[in-house]
Every structure is written in structure tokens, then in C-alpha cells.
Amino acid sequence: MRPYALVLSNDLTEPEAMLRLTAQTAPYLDGVKIGITSSMVPGVDVFKKAKEIMRDKAVAAQARVPEEDAVAVLADYKVADIGFTNKKGEWDGTNNKIVKTLCGAGTDYITCHTITGISSIEESVATAHEYGGKVLTLPYMTHKGANLFFGMPIGDNAIEHVVKELQAYGLKEENAQKLYASLGGIFNVTDLILNLGQHFGVDGYIGPANDPDVLQRYRRFTPNEIWSPGFGRQDKKGRSLEQQIEEWAKVVGPNSAMIVGSAIYGAEDPGQAAKEIMELRNKVVARL
């Protein structure tokens, strides 16, 4: 995708309406995010259909990059199940089955939780990379009550617990020196997830555009992609969309994506709304 990509959060649940919205907005997008509730009725084939629509709208020519890199489909499944290996040492947990199925359905990225445990994220990343996909994990979320766990402080006793669990998992310090060294600089669960993500090779992270302080903390720990929802009405600081895009872009850098939902699909003319946001993004980026 292009730098500072624009991704539609296509949250419509009626299949035909969802694909119609993708077609209306595709000329101005670099990607589309489709969640569980939007794919339950049509099934995982909807991901292939969405990608075909995006490519048919000549996004590749507009972006001036190879077609296979011009558009991205994100399966926002927030995979959060078990990971384990069978007697042959092969990943054979529930995450493996979900991720493998989604990669086979044509998705480029899949959101997978780390908060469910070490094997969960390791299996998700290993499976995605084996089948040509990428993983975005979630170090932080902004819905009401989410900070109970994501923002939970990690003190000395908790660090001891983390070290004990890493060792019990089989991650000895001599084989994970960077991860162990990072533990002295973490202060909450978000920090720990970021560092585990780096160790296990996640491709990027979901980070809130409506909270630049959190994004700045991400950048302390990772140079990887950051995909950010929270633009428009979800902003917590009363900024205009232009101000929000500019502050977001300065923090996250070009290897990132802005995820926009209701500001596009809730508009009277979604195609025009997507075009205006694309143009605003381009204007902001040009002056950075």
C-alpha cells in the first residue's frame, strides 16, 4: 500500500450493500477492513470479492505501485483462541485453523490478539507467514472499560511473573535477549504486548488515532506498521479531521494506515466522502 494508506472500515452487515459500498469507494482507497459481523452471512469468500472489486477500480494505477501491493484486505477477526503444537511439532491450534482459512480466502492482513497468551500470537504469526498473510495485533483498545487490562500497570512482582512464564514457555534469556532486555522499560500490559509482538515478528499493530499519546508510546517500542481507527467523530480532543490526520501522520510515519468507517459509510454519498478524505490526506501528507 501507499504511505499513510486510507482504509475503509466496511462495517455493513448486509452482503450486497457491503460490496456495493466497496465499489463506490474503491477508487479512493488503499484497502478495506471487513470484520466478523460483516462476513458471517456471506462467508469468507467475501474477502476475495472485495479484493477483486478494489483491483477492478484501478487503484493500482492510481497508486503507481505493483497491483499486488496496491490494495489490502484486512480480516478484522481479532483472533483470540488457543495455539498449540501436535506431536509432530506442527502448529495445530484453533488460531492456526482460523488464520489458515482467512489466508486461503484472500486476506492480506488479519488482526490477532496477544492478550490471550504467548502461544496464541506465536501460532497466528507463524501460520499467517506460512500462508502468505500478515498479522496485526492489538496492544491497546479504546472502548469503555478496555483500559482495565490493556492499561494495567506492571510492577516488579509482575515482571517476575512475566519472566517465570516466558521461561516456562521455553523462551530462555539466551535465545530472546532483546525481549528480556526490554522488560525493564515496560510499565503496563500495552508495553508488554508491543514487545512480545516484536519478538514473534508481527507485521504491525492496531493503534488509536483518537489518542496520540498511545501512538507515541507505540513508536517507543516498534518501527512496524500502525493501522489506526478512531478518525472523525471518535476523536477525544475535539480536533478537525485535518488536524487529526496531521497529528497522527507526524507520530506514526509513512508505514501506517488510517482506518475510516462511519465518516464514509454514514455519508449521503460515500464515494464523494471517500474522495474528500483521500484528498485531505494527500494535502496533509504533502506538507509534512
Protein backbone atom coordinates (compact mmCIF):
# COMPACT_ATOMS: atom_id res chain seq x y z
CA MET A 1 0.00 0.00 0.00
CA ARG A 2 0.99 3.61 -0.36
CA PRO A 3 2.36 5.61 2.59
CA TYR A 4 -0.32 6.87 5.00
CA ALA A 5 -2.82 4.49 3.43
CA LEU A 6 -6.57 5.12 3.55
CA VAL A 7 -8.54 2.02 4.56
CA LEU A 8 -12.32 1.75 4.68
CA SER A 9 -13.80 0.11 7.75
CA ASN A 10 -16.67 -1.58 5.95
CA ASP A 11 -18.96 -2.47 8.84
CA LEU A 12 -22.15 -3.01 6.87
CA THR A 13 -23.64 -6.41 7.63
CA GLU A 14 -25.80 -6.90 4.50
CA PRO A 15 -23.52 -8.56 1.93
CA GLU A 16 -24.72 -6.80 -1.21
CA ALA A 17 -24.68 -3.41 0.49
CA MET A 18 -21.19 -4.09 1.80
CA LEU A 19 -19.82 -4.96 -1.63
CA ARG A 20 -21.68 -2.05 -3.19
CA LEU A 21 -20.05 0.31 -0.69
CA THR A 22 -16.65 -1.17 -1.54
CA ALA A 23 -17.28 -0.50 -5.24
CA GLN A 24 -18.44 3.07 -4.58
CA THR A 25 -15.37 3.97 -2.59
CA ALA A 26 -12.65 1.75 -4.08
CA PRO A 27 -11.14 4.36 -6.46
CA TYR A 28 -10.08 6.41 -3.44
CA LEU A 29 -8.95 3.64 -1.09
CA ASP A 30 -5.79 1.68 -0.42
CA GLY A 31 -7.55 -1.06 1.49
CA VAL A 32 -10.71 -2.30 3.13
CA LYS A 33 -11.28 -3.74 6.60
CA ILE A 34 -14.02 -6.35 6.97
CA GLY A 35 -14.96 -7.78 10.34
CA ILE A 36 -16.62 -10.92 11.62
CA THR A 37 -20.14 -9.50 11.68
CA SER A 38 -19.79 -8.37 8.06
CA SER A 39 -18.65 -11.78 6.83
CA MET A 40 -20.86 -14.10 8.86
CA VAL A 41 -23.70 -14.18 6.33
CA PRO A 42 -21.76 -14.21 3.03
CA GLY A 43 -18.87 -16.28 4.38
CA VAL A 44 -15.15 -15.82 3.88
CA ASP A 45 -15.50 -15.63 0.08
CA VAL A 46 -16.48 -12.01 0.64
CA PHE A 47 -12.80 -11.17 1.13
CA LYS A 48 -11.92 -12.35 -2.39
CA LYS A 49 -14.88 -10.45 -3.82
CA ALA A 50 -13.84 -7.27 -2.05
CA LYS A 51 -10.28 -7.55 -3.34
CA GLU A 52 -11.47 -8.14 -6.90
CA ILE A 53 -13.65 -5.03 -6.70
CA MET A 54 -10.77 -2.96 -5.38
CA ARG A 55 -8.46 -4.07 -8.18
CA ASP A 56 -11.10 -3.57 -10.85
CA LYS A 57 -11.38 0.06 -9.81
CA ALA A 58 -7.79 0.71 -10.94
CA VAL A 59 -6.40 1.52 -7.53
CA ALA A 60 -3.10 0.07 -8.71
CA ALA A 61 -2.74 2.63 -11.48
CA GLN A 62 -3.65 5.45 -9.14
CA ALA A 63 -1.13 4.32 -6.53
CA ARG A 64 1.64 3.70 -9.10
CA VAL A 65 2.77 0.56 -7.33
CA PRO A 66 2.54 -3.10 -8.40
CA GLU A 67 -1.05 -4.29 -8.45
CA GLU A 68 -0.47 -6.99 -5.85
CA ASP A 69 0.73 -4.30 -3.41
CA ALA A 70 -1.79 -1.61 -4.29
CA VAL A 71 -4.74 -2.80 -2.24
CA ALA A 72 -5.03 -4.64 1.04
CA VAL A 73 -7.89 -6.58 2.58
CA LEU A 74 -7.86 -6.79 6.37
CA ALA A 75 -9.87 -9.50 8.10
CA ASP A 76 -10.64 -7.84 11.41
CA TYR A 77 -11.37 -11.07 13.26
CA LYS A 78 -9.39 -10.25 16.40
CA VAL A 79 -8.44 -13.92 16.59
CA ALA A 80 -8.20 -14.84 20.26
CA ASP A 81 -8.15 -18.58 20.72
CA ILE A 82 -5.63 -21.25 21.65
CA GLY A 83 -2.37 -22.14 19.97
CA PHE A 84 -0.60 -25.47 20.41
CA THR A 85 1.62 -27.90 18.55
CA ASN A 86 0.79 -31.51 17.78
CA LYS A 87 3.07 -34.49 18.29
CA LYS A 88 4.91 -33.66 15.07
CA GLY A 89 5.73 -30.19 16.38
CA GLU A 90 3.35 -28.54 13.91
CA TRP A 91 1.02 -25.73 14.86
CA ASP A 92 -2.43 -27.27 15.17
CA GLY A 93 -4.45 -24.98 17.44
CA THR A 94 -7.65 -23.09 16.78
CA ASN A 95 -5.77 -19.94 15.78
CA ASN A 96 -3.95 -21.95 13.13
CA LYS A 97 -7.24 -23.11 11.64
CA ILE A 98 -8.79 -19.64 11.63
CA VAL A 99 -5.75 -17.87 10.21
CA LYS A 100 -5.13 -20.52 7.56
CA THR A 101 -8.75 -20.28 6.40
CA LEU A 102 -8.62 -16.49 6.18
CA CYS A 103 -5.33 -16.52 4.27
CA GLY A 104 -6.85 -19.00 1.85
CA ALA A 105 -9.81 -16.67 1.37
CA GLY A 106 -7.55 -13.94 0.01
CA THR A 107 -6.99 -11.70 3.01
CA ASP A 108 -3.70 -9.84 3.26
CA TYR A 109 -3.83 -8.94 6.96
CA ILE A 110 -5.56 -10.49 9.97
CA THR A 111 -5.98 -8.97 13.42
CA CYS A 112 -4.94 -11.39 16.16
CA HIS A 113 -4.85 -10.81 19.91
CA THR A 114 -1.74 -11.25 22.02
CA ILE A 115 -3.52 -10.72 25.33
CA THR A 116 -4.79 -14.33 25.19
CA GLY A 117 -1.27 -15.68 25.63
CA ILE A 118 2.12 -16.45 24.14
CA SER A 119 1.19 -19.45 22.02
CA SER A 120 -1.83 -17.61 20.62
CA ILE A 121 0.23 -14.90 18.94
CA GLU A 122 3.15 -17.16 18.02
CA GLU A 123 0.86 -19.60 16.25
CA SER A 124 -1.06 -16.82 14.49
CA VAL A 125 2.10 -15.18 13.14
CA ALA A 126 3.74 -18.45 12.11
CA THR A 127 0.60 -19.63 10.29
CA ALA A 128 -0.03 -16.30 8.55
CA HIS A 129 3.54 -16.11 7.29
CA GLU A 130 3.45 -19.70 6.09
CA TYR A 131 0.34 -19.00 4.01
CA GLY A 132 1.29 -15.56 2.71
CA GLY A 133 -0.59 -13.37 5.16
CA LYS A 134 0.36 -10.74 7.73
CA VAL A 135 -0.71 -10.20 11.33
CA LEU A 136 -1.68 -7.01 13.13
CA THR A 137 -2.01 -7.34 16.89
CA LEU A 138 -3.79 -5.08 19.37
CA PRO A 139 -1.69 -3.63 22.19
CA TYR A 140 -4.45 -1.22 23.18
CA MET A 141 -8.15 -0.58 22.60
CA THR A 142 -10.19 2.49 23.48
CA HIS A 143 -13.72 1.23 24.11
CA LYS A 144 -15.21 1.83 27.56
CA GLY A 145 -13.57 -0.37 30.15
CA ALA A 146 -10.75 -1.64 27.91
CA ASN A 147 -8.08 0.11 29.95
CA LEU A 148 -8.79 -2.27 32.86
CA PHE A 149 -6.50 -4.81 31.22
CA PHE A 150 -4.55 -3.01 28.49
CA GLY A 151 -3.54 -0.21 30.85
CA MET A 152 -2.88 -2.42 33.86
CA PRO A 153 0.44 -1.40 35.46
CA ILE A 154 3.29 -3.88 35.56
CA GLY A 155 5.46 -3.60 38.68
CA ASP A 156 8.37 -5.64 39.98
CA ASN A 157 6.21 -8.56 41.05
CA ALA A 158 4.54 -8.65 37.66
CA ILE A 159 7.91 -8.60 35.88
CA GLU A 160 8.94 -11.62 37.93
CA HIS A 161 5.76 -13.33 36.82
CA VAL A 162 6.42 -12.43 33.17
CA VAL A 163 9.96 -13.82 33.35
CA LYS A 164 8.71 -17.00 35.01
CA GLU A 165 6.07 -17.51 32.31
CA LEU A 166 8.49 -16.81 29.46
CA GLN A 167 10.85 -19.40 30.86
CA ALA A 168 8.07 -21.90 31.42
CA TYR A 169 7.08 -21.39 27.78
CA GLY A 170 10.61 -22.26 26.72
CA LEU A 171 11.84 -18.76 25.94
CA LYS A 172 15.18 -18.74 27.69
CA GLU A 173 17.03 -15.46 28.06
CA GLU A 174 19.94 -16.55 25.88
CA ASN A 175 17.51 -17.15 22.99
CA ALA A 176 15.45 -13.99 23.49
CA GLN A 177 17.93 -11.41 24.71
CA LYS A 178 16.18 -8.40 23.16
CA LEU A 179 12.83 -9.38 24.67
CA TYR A 180 14.28 -9.87 28.13
CA ALA A 181 16.22 -6.59 27.90
CA SER A 182 13.01 -4.76 27.03
CA LEU A 183 11.25 -5.86 30.21
CA GLY A 184 13.00 -3.18 32.26
CA GLY A 185 11.30 -0.46 30.22
CA ILE A 186 7.70 -1.68 30.25
CA PHE A 187 5.11 -0.18 32.54
CA ASN A 188 1.81 -1.73 31.51
CA VAL A 189 0.22 -4.54 29.53
CA THR A 190 0.27 -2.49 26.32
CA ASP A 191 4.06 -2.23 26.52
CA LEU A 192 4.35 -5.98 27.10
CA ILE A 193 2.17 -6.77 24.07
CA LEU A 194 4.27 -4.48 21.88
CA ASN A 195 7.46 -6.23 22.95
CA LEU A 196 6.01 -9.72 22.52
CA GLY A 197 4.82 -8.64 19.08
CA GLN A 198 8.32 -7.55 18.15
CA HIS A 199 9.81 -10.82 19.39
CA PHE A 200 7.38 -13.03 17.48
CA GLY A 201 7.50 -11.00 14.28
CA VAL A 202 4.06 -9.45 14.00
CA ASP A 203 3.83 -7.25 10.92
CA GLY A 204 2.12 -4.33 12.61
CA TYR A 205 -0.24 -3.05 15.25
CA ILE A 206 -3.68 -1.53 15.64
CA GLY A 207 -3.34 1.81 17.42
CA PRO A 208 -5.93 4.51 18.20
CA ALA A 209 -5.87 7.67 16.09
CA ASN A 210 -8.02 9.34 18.74
CA ASP A 211 -5.26 9.03 21.35
CA PRO A 212 -1.89 10.33 20.09
CA ASP A 213 -0.24 9.69 23.46
CA VAL A 214 -0.80 5.95 22.99
CA LEU A 215 0.58 6.11 19.44
CA GLN A 216 3.69 7.88 20.67
CA ARG A 217 4.17 5.09 23.18
CA TYR A 218 3.88 2.52 20.36
CA ARG A 219 6.69 4.27 18.50
CA ARG A 220 8.96 3.93 21.53
CA PHE A 221 8.91 0.18 21.05
CA THR A 222 8.31 -0.51 17.36
CA PRO A 223 9.07 0.78 13.86
CA ASN A 224 6.42 -1.53 12.37
CA GLU A 225 3.20 -0.58 10.63
CA ILE A 226 0.47 1.08 12.69
CA TRP A 227 -3.12 0.90 11.45
CA SER A 228 -5.33 3.41 13.22
CA PRO A 229 -9.09 3.54 13.67
CA GLY A 230 -10.70 6.42 15.56
CA PHE A 231 -10.86 9.18 12.97
CA GLY A 232 -13.72 11.68 12.84
CA ARG A 233 -16.46 11.59 15.47
CA GLN A 234 -14.44 9.24 17.72
CA ASP A 235 -11.72 11.83 18.34
CA LYS A 236 -11.29 12.64 22.03
CA LYS A 237 -9.62 16.03 21.61
CA GLY A 238 -12.15 17.97 19.55
CA ARG A 239 -9.82 18.29 16.55
CA SER A 240 -10.90 18.80 12.96
CA LEU A 241 -10.30 15.82 10.69
CA GLU A 242 -7.44 17.69 9.03
CA GLN A 243 -5.80 18.39 12.39
CA GLN A 244 -6.28 14.81 13.43
CA ILE A 245 -4.72 13.40 10.25
CA GLU A 246 -1.75 15.75 10.55
CA GLU A 247 -1.01 14.92 14.18
CA TRP A 248 -1.49 11.21 13.50
CA ALA A 249 0.82 11.25 10.48
CA LYS A 250 3.58 13.06 12.36
CA VAL A 251 3.55 10.44 15.12
CA VAL A 252 3.16 7.21 13.17
CA GLY A 253 5.15 7.92 9.99
CA PRO A 254 4.50 6.73 6.44
CA ASN A 255 4.32 2.97 7.05
CA SER A 256 0.86 3.33 8.52
CA ALA A 257 -2.81 3.32 7.61
CA MET A 258 -5.78 5.43 8.64
CA ILE A 259 -8.95 3.35 9.08
CA VAL A 260 -12.12 5.35 8.46
CA GLY A 261 -15.61 3.97 8.94
CA SER A 262 -18.75 5.98 9.64
CA ALA A 263 -17.38 9.19 8.10
CA ILE A 264 -17.54 7.31 4.80
CA TYR A 265 -20.29 4.70 5.05
CA GLY A 266 -22.57 7.06 7.01
CA ALA A 267 -22.32 9.80 4.39
CA GLU A 268 -25.10 10.53 1.92
CA ASP A 269 -22.60 9.93 -0.90
CA PRO A 270 -19.93 7.51 0.40
CA GLY A 271 -17.88 7.74 -2.78
CA GLN A 272 -17.65 11.51 -2.53
CA ALA A 273 -16.86 11.29 1.18
CA ALA A 274 -14.01 8.84 0.49
CA LYS A 275 -12.71 11.10 -2.28
CA GLU A 276 -12.70 14.14 0.02
CA ILE A 277 -10.90 12.26 2.79
CA MET A 278 -8.34 10.94 0.30
CA GLU A 279 -7.72 14.48 -0.96
CA LEU A 280 -7.44 15.79 2.60
CA ARG A 281 -4.96 13.04 3.41
CA ASN A 282 -2.92 13.91 0.32
CA LYS A 283 -2.96 17.63 1.25
CA VAL A 284 -1.75 16.92 4.77
CA VAL A 285 0.96 14.48 3.71
CA ALA A 286 2.27 16.86 1.04
CA ARG A 287 3.19 19.46 3.64
CA LEU A 288 4.81 17.14 6.18
